[in-house]
Amino acid sequence: MLDLSSLYRRGMLGITERAWVNRLFTQHPVGRRLATRFVAGEGLDDAIAVASALNRRGISVSMDHLGEHVHDAGTAAEALADYMACLDQIEAGHLDGNVSVKLTQLGLAVDPSIARDALEKLAKRAAGSGTTVTVDMEESMWTEATIELYEDVQQRFGNLGIALQAYLHRTVDDLVRVMPLGGHVRLCKGAYVEPPEVAVQEKGQVVIQFRRLLAMLMAEPATYPAIATHDDELIRDTYARARVRDGSFEFQMLYGVRPALQQEIIERGHRLRVYVPYGSQWYPYLTRRMAERPANLALFLRAVVGK
């Protein structure tokens, strides 16, 4: 049975797929202003400025040039070039940061070999800059292909990480599968609408699954845990497990979400990495943020009525 939070998320994502809602956000000044709350800007220079400001506060960054579901090789090549430019700027600016990539943006749906070649190039360039690449997880139809490609490239380069979504039934097995490869694992709840046979539906059950995976990940010395959550209970659970890691883990949070909590984590002496998205393709990302938290929708509604 779906709980209220799951119903809200499904309903919100369904509404935002409608063309008139898309226009409201992407063409109305209020919608674009809300996007700047969660997106660093449309250009790389905007993202570098935000990343530099976060670094000055002692916060690491993971930069993502927004885009996904590319269906031609030319657009995939452009995405690769964008990420290579981002890595160049990370090195030139001596930033404490890495990049996060979606394999469908790098051509996975066109030809897996295109995405593999792109990820190899990014891993090599990141190694030259002394940083890493995180492979984001997308809808469940891409999970197996993403993990297979990650395994291949990580075994040869060793400076990748991967995101795993706690709500998928398969994730316990996936975590066991990737932990021996080292690197970092970003553990998150999951942001896509999936059917019951694929993913846990109730919020409470997702939290239980997250805690199980958290315990496994924090107990594995070969892997660097990246705990990606804004949930107070799960953050307290992570605080409680912090001693066994002796500082060798980090929290990850989203740009613009719960800044006071981000500051608390820093003040407690824990590492924090903030996910900094940028680019013109911000609407799908924004809709997922609004579907996650009713408070984010409230920001938009207040702005519409001028309050």
C-alpha atoms as a PDB file:
ATOM      1  CA  MET A   1       0.000   0.000   0.000  1.00  0.00           C
ATOM      2  CA  LEU A   2       1.260   3.496  -0.853  1.00  0.00           C
ATOM      3  CA  ASP A   3       1.668   5.953   2.010  1.00  0.00           C
ATOM      4  CA  LEU A   4       0.864   9.657   1.719  1.00  0.00           C
ATOM      5  CA  SER A   5       4.412  10.670   0.810  1.00  0.00           C
ATOM      6  CA  SER A   6       4.511   8.140  -2.037  1.00  0.00           C
ATOM      7  CA  LEU A   7       1.119   9.275  -3.289  1.00  0.00           C
ATOM      8  CA  TYR A   8       2.284  12.891  -3.195  1.00  0.00           C
ATOM      9  CA  ARG A   9       5.447  12.066  -5.154  1.00  0.00           C
ATOM     10  CA  ARG A  10       3.580  10.085  -7.819  1.00  0.00           C
ATOM     11  CA  GLY A  11       0.928  12.766  -8.140  1.00  0.00           C
ATOM     12  CA  MET A  12       3.439  15.584  -8.293  1.00  0.00           C
ATOM     13  CA  LEU A  13       5.542  13.920 -10.968  1.00  0.00           C
ATOM     14  CA  GLY A  14       2.402  13.167 -12.968  1.00  0.00           C
ATOM     15  CA  ILE A  15       1.315  16.800 -12.855  1.00  0.00           C
ATOM     16  CA  THR A  16       4.715  18.194 -13.804  1.00  0.00           C
ATOM     17  CA  GLU A  17       4.820  16.011 -16.934  1.00  0.00           C
ATOM     18  CA  ARG A  18       1.939  18.028 -18.393  1.00  0.00           C
ATOM     19  CA  ALA A  19       2.948  20.527 -21.069  1.00  0.00           C
ATOM     20  CA  TRP A  20       1.208  23.540 -19.503  1.00  0.00           C
ATOM     21  CA  VAL A  21       2.939  22.945 -16.160  1.00  0.00           C
ATOM     22  CA  ASN A  22       6.283  22.674 -17.946  1.00  0.00           C
ATOM     23  CA  ARG A  23       5.616  26.030 -19.614  1.00  0.00           C
ATOM     24  CA  LEU A  24       4.581  27.586 -16.306  1.00  0.00           C
ATOM     25  CA  PHE A  25       7.942  26.723 -14.758  1.00  0.00           C
ATOM     26  CA  THR A  26      10.280  27.179 -17.707  1.00  0.00           C
ATOM     27  CA  GLN A  27       8.732  30.349 -19.170  1.00  0.00           C
ATOM     28  CA  HIS A  28       7.411  32.122 -16.068  1.00  0.00           C
ATOM     29  CA  PRO A  29       9.959  34.266 -14.176  1.00  0.00           C
ATOM     30  CA  VAL A  30       8.822  32.795 -10.863  1.00  0.00           C
ATOM     31  CA  GLY A  31       9.542  29.265 -12.044  1.00  0.00           C
ATOM     32  CA  ARG A  32      13.006  30.225 -13.215  1.00  0.00           C
ATOM     33  CA  ARG A  33      13.683  32.006  -9.915  1.00  0.00           C
ATOM     34  CA  LEU A  34      12.723  28.868  -8.027  1.00  0.00           C
ATOM     35  CA  ALA A  35      15.113  26.875 -10.206  1.00  0.00           C
ATOM     36  CA  THR A  36      17.996  29.076  -9.046  1.00  0.00           C
ATOM     37  CA  ARG A  37      17.272  27.909  -5.498  1.00  0.00           C
ATOM     38  CA  PHE A  38      18.286  24.377  -6.485  1.00  0.00           C
ATOM     39  CA  VAL A  39      20.358  24.869  -9.662  1.00  0.00           C
ATOM     40  CA  ALA A  40      23.627  26.826  -9.719  1.00  0.00           C
ATOM     41  CA  GLY A  41      22.875  28.415 -13.098  1.00  0.00           C
ATOM     42  CA  GLU A  42      22.793  27.587 -16.772  1.00  0.00           C
ATOM     43  CA  GLY A  43      26.505  28.000 -17.470  1.00  0.00           C
ATOM     44  CA  LEU A  44      29.707  26.418 -16.181  1.00  0.00           C
ATOM     45  CA  ASP A  45      30.939  29.769 -14.885  1.00  0.00           C
ATOM     46  CA  ASP A  46      27.840  30.002 -12.670  1.00  0.00           C
ATOM     47  CA  ALA A  47      28.505  26.532 -11.272  1.00  0.00           C
ATOM     48  CA  ILE A  48      32.188  27.256 -10.630  1.00  0.00           C
ATOM     49  CA  ALA A  49      31.240  30.390  -8.688  1.00  0.00           C
ATOM     50  CA  VAL A  50      28.825  28.410  -6.503  1.00  0.00           C
ATOM     51  CA  ALA A  51      31.369  25.617  -6.026  1.00  0.00           C
ATOM     52  CA  SER A  52      34.056  28.104  -4.981  1.00  0.00           C
ATOM     53  CA  ALA A  53      31.718  29.698  -2.440  1.00  0.00           C
ATOM     54  CA  LEU A  54      30.862  26.295  -0.956  1.00  0.00           C
ATOM     55  CA  ASN A  55      34.550  25.345  -0.783  1.00  0.00           C
ATOM     56  CA  ARG A  56      35.254  28.507   1.187  1.00  0.00           C
ATOM     57  CA  ARG A  57      32.758  27.226   3.773  1.00  0.00           C
ATOM     58  CA  GLY A  58      34.581  23.898   4.005  1.00  0.00           C
ATOM     59  CA  ILE A  59      32.109  22.027   1.782  1.00  0.00           C
ATOM     60  CA  SER A  60      33.157  19.754  -1.089  1.00  0.00           C
ATOM     61  CA  VAL A  61      31.094  19.671  -4.277  1.00  0.00           C
ATOM     62  CA  SER A  62      29.946  17.226  -6.930  1.00  0.00           C
ATOM     63  CA  MET A  63      29.124  19.036 -10.152  1.00  0.00           C
ATOM     64  CA  ASP A  64      26.520  17.800 -12.611  1.00  0.00           C
ATOM     65  CA  HIS A  65      25.815  19.272 -16.045  1.00  0.00           C
ATOM     66  CA  LEU A  66      22.112  18.485 -16.212  1.00  0.00           C
ATOM     67  CA  GLY A  67      20.812  16.238 -18.949  1.00  0.00           C
ATOM     68  CA  GLU A  68      19.708  12.643 -19.469  1.00  0.00           C
ATOM     69  CA  HIS A  69      18.164  10.223 -21.958  1.00  0.00           C
ATOM     70  CA  VAL A  70      20.295  11.277 -24.927  1.00  0.00           C
ATOM     71  CA  HIS A  71      19.316   9.469 -28.132  1.00  0.00           C
ATOM     72  CA  ASP A  72      22.059  10.402 -30.594  1.00  0.00           C
ATOM     73  CA  ALA A  73      25.837  10.120 -30.573  1.00  0.00           C
ATOM     74  CA  GLY A  74      26.405  13.791 -31.323  1.00  0.00           C
ATOM     75  CA  THR A  75      24.561  15.011 -28.229  1.00  0.00           C
ATOM     76  CA  ALA A  76      26.372  12.417 -26.116  1.00  0.00           C
ATOM     77  CA  ALA A  77      29.697  13.735 -27.428  1.00  0.00           C
ATOM     78  CA  GLU A  78      28.656  17.270 -26.466  1.00  0.00           C
ATOM     79  CA  ALA A  79      27.840  16.080 -22.939  1.00  0.00           C
ATOM     80  CA  LEU A  80      31.260  14.450 -22.659  1.00  0.00           C
ATOM     81  CA  ALA A  81      32.921  17.673 -23.776  1.00  0.00           C
ATOM     82  CA  ASP A  82      30.933  19.604 -21.166  1.00  0.00           C
ATOM     83  CA  TYR A  83      32.141  17.289 -18.394  1.00  0.00           C
ATOM     84  CA  MET A  84      35.733  17.415 -19.603  1.00  0.00           C
ATOM     85  CA  ALA A  85      35.529  21.214 -19.469  1.00  0.00           C
ATOM     86  CA  CYS A  86      34.129  20.980 -15.945  1.00  0.00           C
ATOM     87  CA  LEU A  87      37.064  18.800 -14.853  1.00  0.00           C
ATOM     88  CA  ASP A  88      39.444  21.304 -16.456  1.00  0.00           C
ATOM     89  CA  GLN A  89      37.897  24.091 -14.377  1.00  0.00           C
ATOM     90  CA  ILE A  90      38.000  22.013 -11.185  1.00  0.00           C
ATOM     91  CA  GLU A  91      41.731  21.540 -11.700  1.00  0.00           C
ATOM     92  CA  ALA A  92      42.413  25.137 -12.775  1.00  0.00           C
ATOM     93  CA  GLY A  93      40.517  26.536  -9.798  1.00  0.00           C
ATOM     94  CA  HIS A  94      42.016  24.038  -7.322  1.00  0.00           C
ATOM     95  CA  LEU A  95      38.479  23.153  -6.285  1.00  0.00           C
ATOM     96  CA  ASP A  96      37.567  20.425  -3.823  1.00  0.00           C
ATOM     97  CA  GLY A  97      35.143  18.752  -6.152  1.00  0.00           C
ATOM     98  CA  ASN A  98      34.315  15.960  -8.559  1.00  0.00           C
ATOM     99  CA  VAL A  99      31.684  15.369 -11.248  1.00  0.00           C
ATOM    100  CA  SER A 100      28.498  13.294 -11.270  1.00  0.00           C
ATOM    101  CA  VAL A 101      27.369  11.812 -14.583  1.00  0.00           C
ATOM    102  CA  LYS A 102      24.318   9.991 -15.904  1.00  0.00           C
ATOM    103  CA  LEU A 103      25.204   7.281 -18.385  1.00  0.00           C
ATOM    104  CA  THR A 104      22.118   7.906 -20.522  1.00  0.00           C
ATOM    105  CA  GLN A 105      23.458  11.427 -21.022  1.00  0.00           C
ATOM    106  CA  LEU A 106      26.738   9.895 -22.230  1.00  0.00           C
ATOM    107  CA  GLY A 107      25.013   7.705 -24.819  1.00  0.00           C
ATOM    108  CA  LEU A 108      24.010   4.519 -22.967  1.00  0.00           C
ATOM    109  CA  ALA A 109      20.672   4.377 -24.808  1.00  0.00           C
ATOM    110  CA  VAL A 110      22.403   4.886 -28.165  1.00  0.00           C
ATOM    111  CA  ASP A 111      25.188   2.324 -27.761  1.00  0.00           C
ATOM    112  CA  PRO A 112      26.697   1.128 -24.456  1.00  0.00           C
ATOM    113  CA  SER A 113      30.165   1.305 -26.007  1.00  0.00           C
ATOM    114  CA  ILE A 114      29.748   5.064 -26.456  1.00  0.00           C
ATOM    115  CA  ALA A 115      28.969   5.497 -22.758  1.00  0.00           C
ATOM    116  CA  ARG A 116      31.841   3.182 -21.802  1.00  0.00           C
ATOM    117  CA  ASP A 117      34.347   5.152 -23.881  1.00  0.00           C
ATOM    118  CA  ALA A 118      33.079   8.410 -22.404  1.00  0.00           C
ATOM    119  CA  LEU A 119      33.329   7.146 -18.845  1.00  0.00           C
ATOM    120  CA  GLU A 120      36.878   5.908 -19.496  1.00  0.00           C
ATOM    121  CA  LYS A 121      37.881   9.336 -20.796  1.00  0.00           C
ATOM    122  CA  LEU A 122      36.327  11.042 -17.784  1.00  0.00           C
ATOM    123  CA  ALA A 123      38.018   8.633 -15.363  1.00  0.00           C
ATOM    124  CA  LYS A 124      41.389   9.273 -17.001  1.00  0.00           C
ATOM    125  CA  ARG A 125      40.915  13.057 -16.995  1.00  0.00           C
ATOM    126  CA  ALA A 126      39.708  13.027 -13.379  1.00  0.00           C
ATOM    127  CA  ALA A 127      42.752  11.006 -12.347  1.00  0.00           C
ATOM    128  CA  GLY A 128      44.953  13.670 -13.908  1.00  0.00           C
ATOM    129  CA  SER A 129      43.163  16.268 -11.780  1.00  0.00           C
ATOM    130  CA  GLY A 130      43.396  14.182  -8.616  1.00  0.00           C
ATOM    131  CA  THR A 131      39.652  13.732  -8.359  1.00  0.00           C
ATOM    132  CA  THR A 132      36.863  11.234  -9.028  1.00  0.00           C
ATOM    133  CA  VAL A 133      33.730  10.609 -11.064  1.00  0.00           C
ATOM    134  CA  THR A 134      30.409   9.513  -9.569  1.00  0.00           C
ATOM    135  CA  VAL A 135      28.103   7.436 -11.766  1.00  0.00           C
ATOM    136  CA  ASP A 136      24.549   8.475 -10.961  1.00  0.00           C
ATOM    137  CA  MET A 137      21.761   5.918 -10.882  1.00  0.00           C
ATOM    138  CA  GLU A 138      18.683   6.460 -13.045  1.00  0.00           C
ATOM    139  CA  GLU A 139      15.391   4.633 -13.560  1.00  0.00           C
ATOM    140  CA  SER A 140      15.423   0.914 -12.825  1.00  0.00           C
ATOM    141  CA  MET A 141      15.478  -0.027 -16.515  1.00  0.00           C
ATOM    142  CA  TRP A 142      19.071   1.255 -16.559  1.00  0.00           C
ATOM    143  CA  THR A 143      20.282  -0.213 -13.248  1.00  0.00           C
ATOM    144  CA  GLU A 144      21.901  -3.397 -14.528  1.00  0.00           C
ATOM    145  CA  ALA A 145      23.570  -1.728 -17.507  1.00  0.00           C
ATOM    146  CA  THR A 146      24.871   1.044 -15.257  1.00  0.00           C
ATOM    147  CA  ILE A 147      26.391  -1.363 -12.750  1.00  0.00           C
ATOM    148  CA  GLU A 148      27.956  -3.512 -15.477  1.00  0.00           C
ATOM    149  CA  LEU A 149      29.615  -0.511 -17.081  1.00  0.00           C
ATOM    150  CA  TYR A 150      30.733   0.810 -13.697  1.00  0.00           C
ATOM    151  CA  GLU A 151      32.302  -2.533 -12.818  1.00  0.00           C
ATOM    152  CA  ASP A 152      34.235  -2.599 -16.083  1.00  0.00           C
ATOM    153  CA  VAL A 153      35.679   0.906 -15.851  1.00  0.00           C
ATOM    154  CA  GLN A 154      36.216   0.950 -12.085  1.00  0.00           C
ATOM    155  CA  GLN A 155      38.279  -2.245 -12.208  1.00  0.00           C
ATOM    156  CA  ARG A 156      40.647  -0.565 -14.664  1.00  0.00           C
ATOM    157  CA  PHE A 157      40.790   2.996 -13.323  1.00  0.00           C
ATOM    158  CA  GLY A 158      39.818   2.798  -9.655  1.00  0.00           C
ATOM    159  CA  ASN A 159      38.690   6.416  -9.226  1.00  0.00           C
ATOM    160  CA  LEU A 160      34.949   6.041  -9.751  1.00  0.00           C
ATOM    161  CA  GLY A 161      31.996   5.912  -7.422  1.00  0.00           C
ATOM    162  CA  ILE A 162      28.403   4.867  -7.944  1.00  0.00           C
ATOM    163  CA  ALA A 163      25.016   5.884  -6.564  1.00  0.00           C
ATOM    164  CA  LEU A 164      22.699   3.181  -5.227  1.00  0.00           C
ATOM    165  CA  GLN A 165      19.013   3.712  -4.456  1.00  0.00           C
ATOM    166  CA  ALA A 166      17.802   2.188  -1.201  1.00  0.00           C
ATOM    167  CA  TYR A 167      14.196   1.701  -2.294  1.00  0.00           C
ATOM    168  CA  LEU A 168      15.007  -0.845  -5.021  1.00  0.00           C
ATOM    169  CA  HIS A 169      14.552  -4.466  -3.957  1.00  0.00           C
ATOM    170  CA  ARG A 170      17.813  -5.409  -5.673  1.00  0.00           C
ATOM    171  CA  THR A 171      20.053  -2.874  -3.944  1.00  0.00           C
ATOM    172  CA  VAL A 172      21.285  -5.127  -1.116  1.00  0.00           C
ATOM    173  CA  ASP A 173      22.699  -7.497  -3.725  1.00  0.00           C
ATOM    174  CA  ASP A 174      24.037  -4.585  -5.768  1.00  0.00           C
ATOM    175  CA  LEU A 175      25.870  -3.177  -2.760  1.00  0.00           C
ATOM    176  CA  VAL A 176      27.485  -6.547  -2.051  1.00  0.00           C
ATOM    177  CA  ARG A 177      28.483  -6.631  -5.711  1.00  0.00           C
ATOM    178  CA  VAL A 178      30.166  -3.201  -5.907  1.00  0.00           C
ATOM    179  CA  MET A 179      31.801  -2.895  -2.480  1.00  0.00           C
ATOM    180  CA  PRO A 180      34.829  -5.077  -3.355  1.00  0.00           C
ATOM    181  CA  LEU A 181      35.637  -2.648  -6.180  1.00  0.00           C
ATOM    182  CA  GLY A 182      36.553   0.130  -3.733  1.00  0.00           C
ATOM    183  CA  GLY A 183      35.757   3.675  -4.745  1.00  0.00           C
ATOM    184  CA  HIS A 184      32.862   5.501  -3.160  1.00  0.00           C
ATOM    185  CA  VAL A 185      29.210   4.551  -2.900  1.00  0.00           C
ATOM    186  CA  ARG A 186      26.563   7.247  -2.719  1.00  0.00           C
ATOM    187  CA  LEU A 187      23.617   5.797  -0.798  1.00  0.00           C
ATOM    188  CA  CYS A 188      20.316   7.612  -1.391  1.00  0.00           C
ATOM    189  CA  LYS A 189      16.634   6.763  -0.972  1.00  0.00           C
ATOM    190  CA  GLY A 190      15.676   6.967  -4.660  1.00  0.00           C
ATOM    191  CA  ALA A 191      13.978   9.675  -6.707  1.00  0.00           C
ATOM    192  CA  TYR A 192      12.033   7.904  -9.472  1.00  0.00           C
ATOM    193  CA  VAL A 193       8.555   6.407  -9.482  1.00  0.00           C
ATOM    194  CA  GLU A 194       8.928   2.629  -9.693  1.00  0.00           C
ATOM    195  CA  PRO A 195       6.332  -0.196  -9.509  1.00  0.00           C
ATOM    196  CA  PRO A 196       5.928  -2.356  -6.368  1.00  0.00           C
ATOM    197  CA  GLU A 197       7.672  -5.333  -7.941  1.00  0.00           C
ATOM    198  CA  VAL A 198      10.791  -3.177  -8.407  1.00  0.00           C
ATOM    199  CA  ALA A 199      10.871  -0.858  -5.406  1.00  0.00           C
ATOM    200  CA  VAL A 200       9.594  -0.474  -1.843  1.00  0.00           C
ATOM    201  CA  GLN A 201       6.585   1.850  -1.851  1.00  0.00           C
ATOM    202  CA  GLU A 202       6.071   2.901   1.780  1.00  0.00           C
ATOM    203  CA  LYS A 203       8.288   5.588   3.258  1.00  0.00           C
ATOM    204  CA  GLY A 204       8.802   3.673   6.510  1.00  0.00           C
ATOM    205  CA  GLN A 205       9.963   0.598   4.640  1.00  0.00           C
ATOM    206  CA  VAL A 206      12.357   2.685   2.547  1.00  0.00           C
ATOM    207  CA  VAL A 207      13.895   4.009   5.775  1.00  0.00           C
ATOM    208  CA  ILE A 208      14.285   0.446   7.084  1.00  0.00           C
ATOM    209  CA  GLN A 209      15.982  -0.583   3.859  1.00  0.00           C
ATOM    210  CA  PHE A 210      18.239   2.484   3.975  1.00  0.00           C
ATOM    211  CA  ARG A 211      19.327   1.638   7.534  1.00  0.00           C
ATOM    212  CA  ARG A 212      20.193  -1.917   6.524  1.00  0.00           C
ATOM    213  CA  LEU A 213      22.309  -0.671   3.636  1.00  0.00           C
ATOM    214  CA  LEU A 214      23.867   2.041   5.811  1.00  0.00           C
ATOM    215  CA  ALA A 215      25.034  -0.575   8.318  1.00  0.00           C
ATOM    216  CA  MET A 216      26.539  -2.691   5.534  1.00  0.00           C
ATOM    217  CA  LEU A 217      28.278   0.234   3.882  1.00  0.00           C
ATOM    218  CA  MET A 218      29.707   1.772   7.056  1.00  0.00           C
ATOM    219  CA  ALA A 219      31.099  -1.636   8.074  1.00  0.00           C
ATOM    220  CA  GLU A 220      33.011  -2.129   4.797  1.00  0.00           C
ATOM    221  CA  PRO A 221      36.573  -0.736   5.061  1.00  0.00           C
ATOM    222  CA  ALA A 222      37.358  -1.077   1.347  1.00  0.00           C
ATOM    223  CA  THR A 223      34.630   1.362   0.281  1.00  0.00           C
ATOM    224  CA  TYR A 224      34.197   5.062   1.012  1.00  0.00           C
ATOM    225  CA  PRO A 225      30.599   5.716   2.124  1.00  0.00           C
ATOM    226  CA  ALA A 226      28.790   8.807   0.851  1.00  0.00           C
ATOM    227  CA  ILE A 227      25.527   9.068   2.792  1.00  0.00           C
ATOM    228  CA  ALA A 228      23.130  11.124   0.695  1.00  0.00           C
ATOM    229  CA  THR A 229      20.090  12.075   2.758  1.00  0.00           C
ATOM    230  CA  HIS A 230      18.257  15.041   4.261  1.00  0.00           C
ATOM    231  CA  ASP A 231      16.290  12.795   6.638  1.00  0.00           C
ATOM    232  CA  ASP A 232      16.918  13.740  10.290  1.00  0.00           C
ATOM    233  CA  GLU A 233      16.554  10.177  11.572  1.00  0.00           C
ATOM    234  CA  LEU A 234      18.980   8.754   9.026  1.00  0.00           C
ATOM    235  CA  ILE A 235      21.471  11.513   9.695  1.00  0.00           C
ATOM    236  CA  ARG A 236      21.326  10.696  13.421  1.00  0.00           C
ATOM    237  CA  ASP A 237      21.836   7.018  12.564  1.00  0.00           C
ATOM    238  CA  THR A 238      24.920   8.004  10.579  1.00  0.00           C
ATOM    239  CA  TYR A 239      26.246  10.141  13.435  1.00  0.00           C
ATOM    240  CA  ALA A 240      25.946   7.081  15.680  1.00  0.00           C
ATOM    241  CA  ARG A 241      27.991   4.968  13.268  1.00  0.00           C
ATOM    242  CA  ALA A 242      30.611   7.639  12.612  1.00  0.00           C
ATOM    243  CA  ARG A 243      33.065   6.353  15.221  1.00  0.00           C
ATOM    244  CA  VAL A 244      33.671   3.084  13.381  1.00  0.00           C
ATOM    245  CA  ARG A 245      34.717   4.992  10.266  1.00  0.00           C
ATOM    246  CA  ASP A 246      37.187   7.333  12.014  1.00  0.00           C
ATOM    247  CA  GLY A 247      36.087  10.133   9.703  1.00  0.00           C
ATOM    248  CA  SER A 248      36.466   8.149   6.469  1.00  0.00           C
ATOM    249  CA  PHE A 249      33.007   8.877   5.101  1.00  0.00           C
ATOM    250  CA  GLU A 250      30.987  11.888   4.050  1.00  0.00           C
ATOM    251  CA  PHE A 251      27.468  13.201   3.980  1.00  0.00           C
ATOM    252  CA  GLN A 252      26.068  14.325   0.649  1.00  0.00           C
ATOM    253  CA  MET A 253      23.247  16.811   0.237  1.00  0.00           C
ATOM    254  CA  LEU A 254      21.630  18.800  -2.551  1.00  0.00           C
ATOM    255  CA  TYR A 255      22.370  22.413  -3.342  1.00  0.00           C
ATOM    256  CA  GLY A 256      19.651  24.627  -1.876  1.00  0.00           C
ATOM    257  CA  VAL A 257      18.083  21.957   0.339  1.00  0.00           C
ATOM    258  CA  ARG A 258      18.177  22.379   4.133  1.00  0.00           C
ATOM    259  CA  PRO A 259      21.159  24.757   4.324  1.00  0.00           C
ATOM    260  CA  ALA A 260      20.902  25.001   8.124  1.00  0.00           C
ATOM    261  CA  LEU A 261      21.293  21.231   8.412  1.00  0.00           C
ATOM    262  CA  GLN A 262      24.271  21.383   6.086  1.00  0.00           C
ATOM    263  CA  GLN A 263      25.880  23.917   8.402  1.00  0.00           C
ATOM    264  CA  GLU A 264      25.177  21.694  11.417  1.00  0.00           C
ATOM    265  CA  ILE A 265      27.000  18.790   9.773  1.00  0.00           C
ATOM    266  CA  ILE A 266      30.044  20.960   9.108  1.00  0.00           C
ATOM    267  CA  GLU A 267      30.039  22.342  12.646  1.00  0.00           C
ATOM    268  CA  ARG A 268      29.999  18.782  14.007  1.00  0.00           C
ATOM    269  CA  GLY A 269      33.242  18.188  12.146  1.00  0.00           C
ATOM    270  CA  HIS A 270      31.900  15.813   9.495  1.00  0.00           C
ATOM    271  CA  ARG A 271      32.702  15.946   5.810  1.00  0.00           C
ATOM    272  CA  LEU A 272      29.958  17.242   3.545  1.00  0.00           C
ATOM    273  CA  ARG A 273      29.727  17.231  -0.241  1.00  0.00           C
ATOM    274  CA  VAL A 274      26.991  19.263  -1.920  1.00  0.00           C
ATOM    275  CA  TYR A 275      25.627  18.192  -5.290  1.00  0.00           C
ATOM    276  CA  VAL A 276      25.749  21.246  -7.581  1.00  0.00           C
ATOM    277  CA  PRO A 277      23.681  20.881 -10.774  1.00  0.00           C
ATOM    278  CA  TYR A 278      23.857  23.395 -13.596  1.00  0.00           C
ATOM    279  CA  GLY A 279      22.734  23.754 -17.204  1.00  0.00           C
ATOM    280  CA  SER A 280      19.704  24.625 -19.290  1.00  0.00           C
ATOM    281  CA  GLN A 281      18.046  21.204 -18.866  1.00  0.00           C
ATOM    282  CA  TRP A 282      16.985  21.919 -15.296  1.00  0.00           C
ATOM    283  CA  TYR A 283      13.256  21.214 -15.444  1.00  0.00           C
ATOM    284  CA  PRO A 284      13.321  17.392 -14.899  1.00  0.00           C
ATOM    285  CA  TYR A 285      15.706  17.880 -12.003  1.00  0.00           C
ATOM    286  CA  LEU A 286      13.518  20.579 -10.448  1.00  0.00           C
ATOM    287  CA  THR A 287      10.378  18.442 -10.685  1.00  0.00           C
ATOM    288  CA  ARG A 288      12.078  15.598  -8.806  1.00  0.00           C
ATOM    289  CA  ARG A 289      13.096  18.006  -6.043  1.00  0.00           C
ATOM    290  CA  MET A 290       9.514  19.277  -5.751  1.00  0.00           C
ATOM    291  CA  ALA A 291       8.168  15.720  -5.689  1.00  0.00           C
ATOM    292  CA  GLU A 292      10.507  14.811  -2.840  1.00  0.00           C
ATOM    293  CA  ARG A 293       9.431  17.532  -0.419  1.00  0.00           C
ATOM    294  CA  PRO A 294       6.112  19.435  -0.259  1.00  0.00           C
ATOM    295  CA  ALA A 295       8.106  22.322   1.249  1.00  0.00           C
ATOM    296  CA  ASN A 296       9.804  22.812  -2.113  1.00  0.00           C
ATOM    297  CA  LEU A 297       6.419  23.153  -3.831  1.00  0.00           C
ATOM    298  CA  ALA A 298       5.407  25.648  -1.145  1.00  0.00           C
ATOM    299  CA  LEU A 299       8.365  27.829  -2.128  1.00  0.00           C
ATOM    300  CA  PHE A 300       6.981  28.096  -5.641  1.00  0.00           C
ATOM    301  CA  LEU A 301       3.412  28.796  -4.554  1.00  0.00           C
ATOM    302  CA  ARG A 302       4.531  31.545  -2.168  1.00  0.00           C
ATOM    303  CA  ALA A 303       6.538  33.135  -4.957  1.00  0.00           C
ATOM    304  CA  VAL A 304       3.532  33.048  -7.324  1.00  0.00           C
ATOM    305  CA  VAL A 305       1.331  34.924  -4.866  1.00  0.00           C
ATOM    306  CA  GLY A 306       4.127  37.295  -3.918  1.00  0.00           C
ATOM    307  CA  LYS A 307       4.644  36.152  -0.330  1.00  0.00           C
END
